Amino acid sequence: MPISLALDERTLYEKLAAMELLWADLARNPGGAESPDWHESIASERRELANGGMSKFTDWDAAKAEIRGNLK
């Protein structure tokens, strides 16, 4: 069943809000989709970087606030 959202009529804020709703819904059931084969090697690489102290992390709420601030 195709879904029409008339995206060309939506503001950037409305589009981002819709994405947030979709991601929140998908996150409620994380086992609903299988990861692609290449994902494990990327995840392993990133774990090694994190464990070696070579990665920088930002709190998710702070990251979203920063992104939203950049869009204004």
PDB file of N, CA and C in Angstrom:
ATOM      1  N   MET A   1       0.841  -1.177   0.000  1.00  0.00           N
ATOM      2  CA  MET A   1       0.000   0.000   0.000  1.00  0.00           C
ATOM      3  C   MET A   1       0.882   1.235   0.000  1.00  0.00           C
ATOM      4  N   PRO A   2       0.889   2.007  -1.073  1.00  0.00           N
ATOM      5  CA  PRO A   2       1.713   3.214  -1.129  1.00  0.00           C
ATOM      6  C   PRO A   2       1.189   4.282  -0.168  1.00  0.00           C
ATOM      7  N   ILE A   3       2.121   5.014   0.392  1.00  0.00           N
ATOM      8  CA  ILE A   3       1.775   6.102   1.309  1.00  0.00           C
ATOM      9  C   ILE A   3       2.227   7.402   0.667  1.00  0.00           C
ATOM     10  N   SER A   4       1.324   8.358   0.584  1.00  0.00           N
ATOM     11  CA  SER A   4       1.657   9.653   0.010  1.00  0.00           C
ATOM     12  C   SER A   4       1.700  10.694   1.119  1.00  0.00           C
ATOM     13  N   LEU A   5       2.830  11.393   1.230  1.00  0.00           N
ATOM     14  CA  LEU A   5       2.997  12.394   2.269  1.00  0.00           C
ATOM     15  C   LEU A   5       3.090  13.811   1.719  1.00  0.00           C
ATOM     16  N   ALA A   6       2.996  13.985   0.429  1.00  0.00           N
ATOM     17  CA  ALA A   6       3.123  15.303  -0.200  1.00  0.00           C
ATOM     18  C   ALA A   6       4.331  16.041   0.368  1.00  0.00           C
ATOM     19  N   LEU A   7       5.492  15.402   0.282  1.00  0.00           N
ATOM     20  CA  LEU A   7       6.702  15.957   0.887  1.00  0.00           C
ATOM     21  C   LEU A   7       7.079  17.324   0.341  1.00  0.00           C
ATOM     22  N   ASP A   8       6.758  17.573  -0.907  1.00  0.00           N
ATOM     23  CA  ASP A   8       7.092  18.878  -1.481  1.00  0.00           C
ATOM     24  C   ASP A   8       6.297  20.013  -0.839  1.00  0.00           C
ATOM     25  N   GLU A   9       5.245  19.671  -0.116  1.00  0.00           N
ATOM     26  CA  GLU A   9       4.435  20.674   0.574  1.00  0.00           C
ATOM     27  C   GLU A   9       4.804  20.807   2.049  1.00  0.00           C
ATOM     28  N   ARG A  10       5.743  20.011   2.525  1.00  0.00           N
ATOM     29  CA  ARG A  10       6.125  20.001   3.934  1.00  0.00           C
ATOM     30  C   ARG A  10       7.370  20.850   4.176  1.00  0.00           C
ATOM     31  N   THR A  11       7.423  21.459   5.357  1.00  0.00           N
ATOM     32  CA  THR A  11       8.616  22.215   5.739  1.00  0.00           C
ATOM     33  C   THR A  11       9.701  21.244   6.188  1.00  0.00           C
ATOM     34  N   LEU A  12      10.900  21.742   6.279  1.00  0.00           N
ATOM     35  CA  LEU A  12      12.006  20.912   6.754  1.00  0.00           C
ATOM     36  C   LEU A  12      11.698  20.401   8.149  1.00  0.00           C
ATOM     37  N   TYR A  13      11.164  21.264   9.013  1.00  0.00           N
ATOM     38  CA  TYR A  13      10.826  20.854  10.376  1.00  0.00           C
ATOM     39  C   TYR A  13       9.809  19.713  10.364  1.00  0.00           C
ATOM     40  N   GLU A  14       8.792  19.809   9.522  1.00  0.00           N
ATOM     41  CA  GLU A  14       7.771  18.760   9.443  1.00  0.00           C
ATOM     42  C   GLU A  14       8.371  17.445   8.956  1.00  0.00           C
ATOM     43  N   LYS A  15       9.282  17.531   7.994  1.00  0.00           N
ATOM     44  CA  LYS A  15       9.933  16.320   7.479  1.00  0.00           C
ATOM     45  C   LYS A  15      10.781  15.667   8.559  1.00  0.00           C
ATOM     46  N   LEU A  16      11.543  16.477   9.306  1.00  0.00           N
ATOM     47  CA  LEU A  16      12.375  15.923  10.378  1.00  0.00           C
ATOM     48  C   LEU A  16      11.517  15.343  11.494  1.00  0.00           C
ATOM     49  N   ALA A  17      10.413  15.997  11.815  1.00  0.00           N
ATOM     50  CA  ALA A  17       9.511  15.488  12.845  1.00  0.00           C
ATOM     51  C   ALA A  17       8.930  14.135  12.421  1.00  0.00           C
ATOM     52  N   ALA A  18       8.600  14.000  11.151  1.00  0.00           N
ATOM     53  CA  ALA A  18       8.081  12.725  10.643  1.00  0.00           C
ATOM     54  C   ALA A  18       9.138  11.632  10.750  1.00  0.00           C
ATOM     55  N   MET A  19      10.392  11.985  10.424  1.00  0.00           N
ATOM     56  CA  MET A  19      11.485  11.014  10.546  1.00  0.00           C
ATOM     57  C   MET A  19      11.665  10.575  11.994  1.00  0.00           C
ATOM     58  N   GLU A  20      11.590  11.518  12.919  1.00  0.00           N
ATOM     59  CA  GLU A  20      11.710  11.197  14.347  1.00  0.00           C
ATOM     60  C   GLU A  20      10.631  10.206  14.764  1.00  0.00           C
ATOM     61  N   LEU A  21       9.398  10.438  14.311  1.00  0.00           N
ATOM     62  CA  LEU A  21       8.298   9.525  14.642  1.00  0.00           C
ATOM     63  C   LEU A  21       8.542   8.130  14.073  1.00  0.00           C
ATOM     64  N   LEU A  22       9.014   8.072  12.828  1.00  0.00           N
ATOM     65  CA  LEU A  22       9.298   6.774  12.209  1.00  0.00           C
ATOM     66  C   LEU A  22      10.399   6.032  12.952  1.00  0.00           C
ATOM     67  N   TRP A  23      11.502   6.721  13.272  1.00  0.00           N
ATOM     68  CA  TRP A  23      12.606   6.079  13.980  1.00  0.00           C
ATOM     69  C   TRP A  23      12.177   5.619  15.364  1.00  0.00           C
ATOM     70  N   ALA A  24      11.396   6.427  16.067  1.00  0.00           N
ATOM     71  CA  ALA A  24      10.918   6.044  17.400  1.00  0.00           C
ATOM     72  C   ALA A  24      10.061   4.787  17.300  1.00  0.00           C
ATOM     73  N   ASP A  25       9.214   4.715  16.286  1.00  0.00           N
ATOM     74  CA  ASP A  25       8.375   3.535  16.100  1.00  0.00           C
ATOM     75  C   ASP A  25       9.221   2.308  15.779  1.00  0.00           C
ATOM     76  N   LEU A  26      10.189   2.453  14.883  1.00  0.00           N
ATOM     77  CA  LEU A  26      11.060   1.339  14.525  1.00  0.00           C
ATOM     78  C   LEU A  26      11.897   0.877  15.722  1.00  0.00           C
ATOM     79  N   ALA A  27      12.324   1.812  16.555  1.00  0.00           N
ATOM     80  CA  ALA A  27      13.171   1.486  17.704  1.00  0.00           C
ATOM     81  C   ALA A  27      12.410   0.685  18.759  1.00  0.00           C
ATOM     82  N   ARG A  28      11.101   0.777  18.783  1.00  0.00           N
ATOM     83  CA  ARG A  28      10.313   0.009  19.753  1.00  0.00           C
ATOM     84  C   ARG A  28      10.382  -1.488  19.485  1.00  0.00           C
ATOM     85  N   ASN A  29      10.769  -1.874  18.276  1.00  0.00           N
ATOM     86  CA  ASN A  29      10.875  -3.284  17.916  1.00  0.00           C
ATOM     87  C   ASN A  29      12.191  -3.518  17.172  1.00  0.00           C
ATOM     88  N   PRO A  30      13.325  -3.412  17.894  1.00  0.00           N
ATOM     89  CA  PRO A  30      14.623  -3.503  17.216  1.00  0.00           C
ATOM     90  C   PRO A  30      14.903  -4.865  16.586  1.00  0.00           C
ATOM     91  N   GLY A  31      14.234  -5.906  17.001  1.00  0.00           N
ATOM     92  CA  GLY A  31      14.462  -7.227  16.423  1.00  0.00           C
ATOM     93  C   GLY A  31      13.670  -7.458  15.154  1.00  0.00           C
ATOM     94  N   GLY A  32      12.953  -6.450  14.701  1.00  0.00           N
ATOM     95  CA  GLY A  32      12.094  -6.601  13.541  1.00  0.00           C
ATOM     96  C   GLY A  32      12.813  -6.699  12.212  1.00  0.00           C
ATOM     97  N   ALA A  33      14.073  -6.330  12.162  1.00  0.00           N
ATOM     98  CA  ALA A  33      14.816  -6.382  10.898  1.00  0.00           C
ATOM     99  C   ALA A  33      16.218  -6.927  11.162  1.00  0.00           C
ATOM    100  N   GLU A  34      16.716  -7.694  10.226  1.00  0.00           N
ATOM    101  CA  GLU A  34      18.066  -8.233  10.365  1.00  0.00           C
ATOM    102  C   GLU A  34      19.074  -7.252   9.785  1.00  0.00           C
ATOM    103  N   SER A  35      20.234  -7.186  10.431  1.00  0.00           N
ATOM    104  CA  SER A  35      21.313  -6.330   9.931  1.00  0.00           C
ATOM    105  C   SER A  35      21.921  -6.953   8.683  1.00  0.00           C
ATOM    106  N   PRO A  36      22.379  -6.110   7.756  1.00  0.00           N
ATOM    107  CA  PRO A  36      23.056  -6.662   6.575  1.00  0.00           C
ATOM    108  C   PRO A  36      24.395  -7.279   6.973  1.00  0.00           C
ATOM    109  N   ASP A  37      24.914  -8.156   6.145  1.00  0.00           N
ATOM    110  CA  ASP A  37      26.155  -8.878   6.447  1.00  0.00           C
ATOM    111  C   ASP A  37      27.328  -7.952   6.746  1.00  0.00           C
ATOM    112  N   TRP A  38      27.439  -6.853   6.004  1.00  0.00           N
ATOM    113  CA  TRP A  38      28.582  -5.956   6.179  1.00  0.00           C
ATOM    114  C   TRP A  38      28.539  -5.226   7.511  1.00  0.00           C
ATOM    115  N   HIS A  39      27.402  -5.205   8.179  1.00  0.00           N
ATOM    116  CA  HIS A  39      27.245  -4.412   9.400  1.00  0.00           C
ATOM    117  C   HIS A  39      28.160  -4.889  10.533  1.00  0.00           C
ATOM    118  N   GLU A  40      28.345  -6.205  10.671  1.00  0.00           N
ATOM    119  CA  GLU A  40      29.167  -6.720  11.778  1.00  0.00           C
ATOM    120  C   GLU A  40      30.608  -6.235  11.677  1.00  0.00           C
ATOM    121  N   SER A  41      31.170  -6.192  10.478  1.00  0.00           N
ATOM    122  CA  SER A  41      32.555  -5.733  10.353  1.00  0.00           C
ATOM    123  C   SER A  41      32.682  -4.249  10.695  1.00  0.00           C
ATOM    124  N   ILE A  42      31.724  -3.441  10.297  1.00  0.00           N
ATOM    125  CA  ILE A  42      31.730  -2.012  10.630  1.00  0.00           C
ATOM    126  C   ILE A  42      31.556  -1.826  12.132  1.00  0.00           C
ATOM    127  N   ALA A  43      30.613  -2.564  12.720  1.00  0.00           N
ATOM    128  CA  ALA A  43      30.367  -2.458  14.164  1.00  0.00           C
ATOM    129  C   ALA A  43      31.608  -2.886  14.947  1.00  0.00           C
ATOM    130  N   SER A  44      32.260  -3.938  14.513  1.00  0.00           N
ATOM    131  CA  SER A  44      33.475  -4.423  15.173  1.00  0.00           C
ATOM    132  C   SER A  44      34.583  -3.375  15.111  1.00  0.00           C
ATOM    133  N   GLU A  45      34.754  -2.776  13.942  1.00  0.00           N
ATOM    134  CA  GLU A  45      35.742  -1.716  13.762  1.00  0.00           C
ATOM    135  C   GLU A  45      35.488  -0.552  14.724  1.00  0.00           C
ATOM    136  N   ARG A  46      34.255  -0.156  14.821  1.00  0.00           N
ATOM    137  CA  ARG A  46      33.890   0.979  15.678  1.00  0.00           C
ATOM    138  C   ARG A  46      34.030   0.635  17.156  1.00  0.00           C
ATOM    139  N   ARG A  47      33.729  -0.619  17.528  1.00  0.00           N
ATOM    140  CA  ARG A  47      33.948  -1.039  18.916  1.00  0.00           C
ATOM    141  C   ARG A  47      35.425  -0.943  19.271  1.00  0.00           C
ATOM    142  N   GLU A  48      36.297  -1.385  18.353  1.00  0.00           N
ATOM    143  CA  GLU A  48      37.741  -1.312  18.591  1.00  0.00           C
ATOM    144  C   GLU A  48      38.189   0.135  18.777  1.00  0.00           C
ATOM    145  N   LEU A  49      37.692   1.036  17.946  1.00  0.00           N
ATOM    146  CA  LEU A  49      38.031   2.451  18.080  1.00  0.00           C
ATOM    147  C   LEU A  49      37.556   3.002  19.423  1.00  0.00           C
ATOM    148  N   ALA A  50      36.349   2.627  19.815  1.00  0.00           N
ATOM    149  CA  ALA A  50      35.798   3.099  21.086  1.00  0.00           C
ATOM    150  C   ALA A  50      36.594   2.538  22.258  1.00  0.00           C
ATOM    151  N   ASN A  51      36.892   1.262  22.209  1.00  0.00           N
ATOM    152  CA  ASN A  51      37.649   0.641  23.299  1.00  0.00           C
ATOM    153  C   ASN A  51      39.065   1.192  23.393  1.00  0.00           C
ATOM    154  N   GLY A  52      39.617   1.644  22.281  1.00  0.00           N
ATOM    155  CA  GLY A  52      40.955   2.222  22.262  1.00  0.00           C
ATOM    156  C   GLY A  52      40.966   3.707  22.573  1.00  0.00           C
ATOM    157  N   GLY A  53      39.802   4.266  22.887  1.00  0.00           N
ATOM    158  CA  GLY A  53      39.714   5.688  23.215  1.00  0.00           C
ATOM    159  C   GLY A  53      39.899   6.605  22.019  1.00  0.00           C
ATOM    160  N   MET A  54      39.672   6.081  20.825  1.00  0.00           N
ATOM    161  CA  MET A  54      39.901   6.855  19.611  1.00  0.00           C
ATOM    162  C   MET A  54      38.605   7.395  19.006  1.00  0.00           C
ATOM    163  N   SER A  55      37.499   7.287  19.739  1.00  0.00           N
ATOM    164  CA  SER A  55      36.211   7.778  19.260  1.00  0.00           C
ATOM    165  C   SER A  55      35.686   8.844  20.197  1.00  0.00           C
ATOM    166  N   LYS A  56      34.952   9.780  19.643  1.00  0.00           N
ATOM    167  CA  LYS A  56      34.316  10.827  20.437  1.00  0.00           C
ATOM    168  C   LYS A  56      32.811  10.577  20.430  1.00  0.00           C
ATOM    169  N   PHE A  57      32.201  10.644  21.598  1.00  0.00           N
ATOM    170  CA  PHE A  57      30.771  10.384  21.710  1.00  0.00           C
ATOM    171  C   PHE A  57      30.060  11.621  22.194  1.00  0.00           C
ATOM    172  N   THR A  58      28.833  11.794  21.725  1.00  0.00           N
ATOM    173  CA  THR A  58      27.980  12.898  22.145  1.00  0.00           C
ATOM    174  C   THR A  58      26.651  12.314  22.588  1.00  0.00           C
ATOM    175  N   ASP A  59      26.118  12.827  23.687  1.00  0.00           N
ATOM    176  CA  ASP A  59      24.797  12.425  24.147  1.00  0.00           C
ATOM    177  C   ASP A  59      23.796  12.660  23.017  1.00  0.00           C
ATOM    178  N   TRP A  60      22.879  11.708  22.795  1.00  0.00           N
ATOM    179  CA  TRP A  60      21.954  11.783  21.674  1.00  0.00           C
ATOM    180  C   TRP A  60      21.095  13.041  21.724  1.00  0.00           C
ATOM    181  N   ASP A  61      20.585  13.400  22.903  1.00  0.00           N
ATOM    182  CA  ASP A  61      19.763  14.609  23.001  1.00  0.00           C
ATOM    183  C   ASP A  61      20.580  15.854  22.669  1.00  0.00           C
ATOM    184  N   ALA A  62      21.845  15.891  23.112  1.00  0.00           N
ATOM    185  CA  ALA A  62      22.714  17.029  22.802  1.00  0.00           C
ATOM    186  C   ALA A  62      23.016  17.081  21.306  1.00  0.00           C
ATOM    187  N   ALA A  63      23.222  15.912  20.700  1.00  0.00           N
ATOM    188  CA  ALA A  63      23.496  15.863  19.258  1.00  0.00           C
ATOM    189  C   ALA A  63      22.302  16.363  18.459  1.00  0.00           C
ATOM    190  N   LYS A  64      21.094  15.936  18.845  1.00  0.00           N
ATOM    191  CA  LYS A  64      19.894  16.400  18.133  1.00  0.00           C
ATOM    192  C   LYS A  64      19.722  17.908  18.292  1.00  0.00           C
ATOM    193  N   ALA A  65      19.983  18.424  19.496  1.00  0.00           N
ATOM    194  CA  ALA A  65      19.861  19.865  19.722  1.00  0.00           C
ATOM    195  C   ALA A  65      20.866  20.627  18.856  1.00  0.00           C
ATOM    196  N   GLU A  66      22.078  20.100  18.747  1.00  0.00           N
ATOM    197  CA  GLU A  66      23.095  20.748  17.915  1.00  0.00           C
ATOM    198  C   GLU A  66      22.684  20.747  16.444  1.00  0.00           C
ATOM    199  N   ILE A  67      22.172  19.624  15.986  1.00  0.00           N
ATOM    200  CA  ILE A  67      21.724  19.527  14.583  1.00  0.00           C
ATOM    201  C   ILE A  67      20.582  20.503  14.338  1.00  0.00           C
ATOM    202  N   ARG A  68      19.624  20.546  15.247  1.00  0.00           N
ATOM    203  CA  ARG A  68      18.498  21.466  15.082  1.00  0.00           C
ATOM    204  C   ARG A  68      18.977  22.915  15.088  1.00  0.00           C
ATOM    205  N   GLY A  69      19.963  23.221  15.934  1.00  0.00           N
ATOM    206  CA  GLY A  69      20.512  24.570  15.971  1.00  0.00           C
ATOM    207  C   GLY A  69      21.185  24.950  14.659  1.00  0.00           C
ATOM    208  N   ASN A  70      21.824  23.985  14.023  1.00  0.00           N
ATOM    209  CA  ASN A  70      22.489  24.223  12.740  1.00  0.00           C
ATOM    210  C   ASN A  70      21.493  24.440  11.610  1.00  0.00           C
ATOM    211  N   LEU A  71      20.264  23.971  11.775  1.00  0.00           N
ATOM    212  CA  LEU A  71      19.260  24.097  10.735  1.00  0.00           C
ATOM    213  C   LEU A  71      18.530  25.423  10.751  1.00  0.00           C
ATOM    214  N   LYS A  72      18.672  26.152  11.843  1.00  0.00           N
ATOM    215  CA  LYS A  72      17.953  27.439  11.975  1.00  0.00           C
ATOM    216  C   LYS A  72      18.632  28.532  11.209  1.00  0.00           C
TER     217      LYS A  72
END
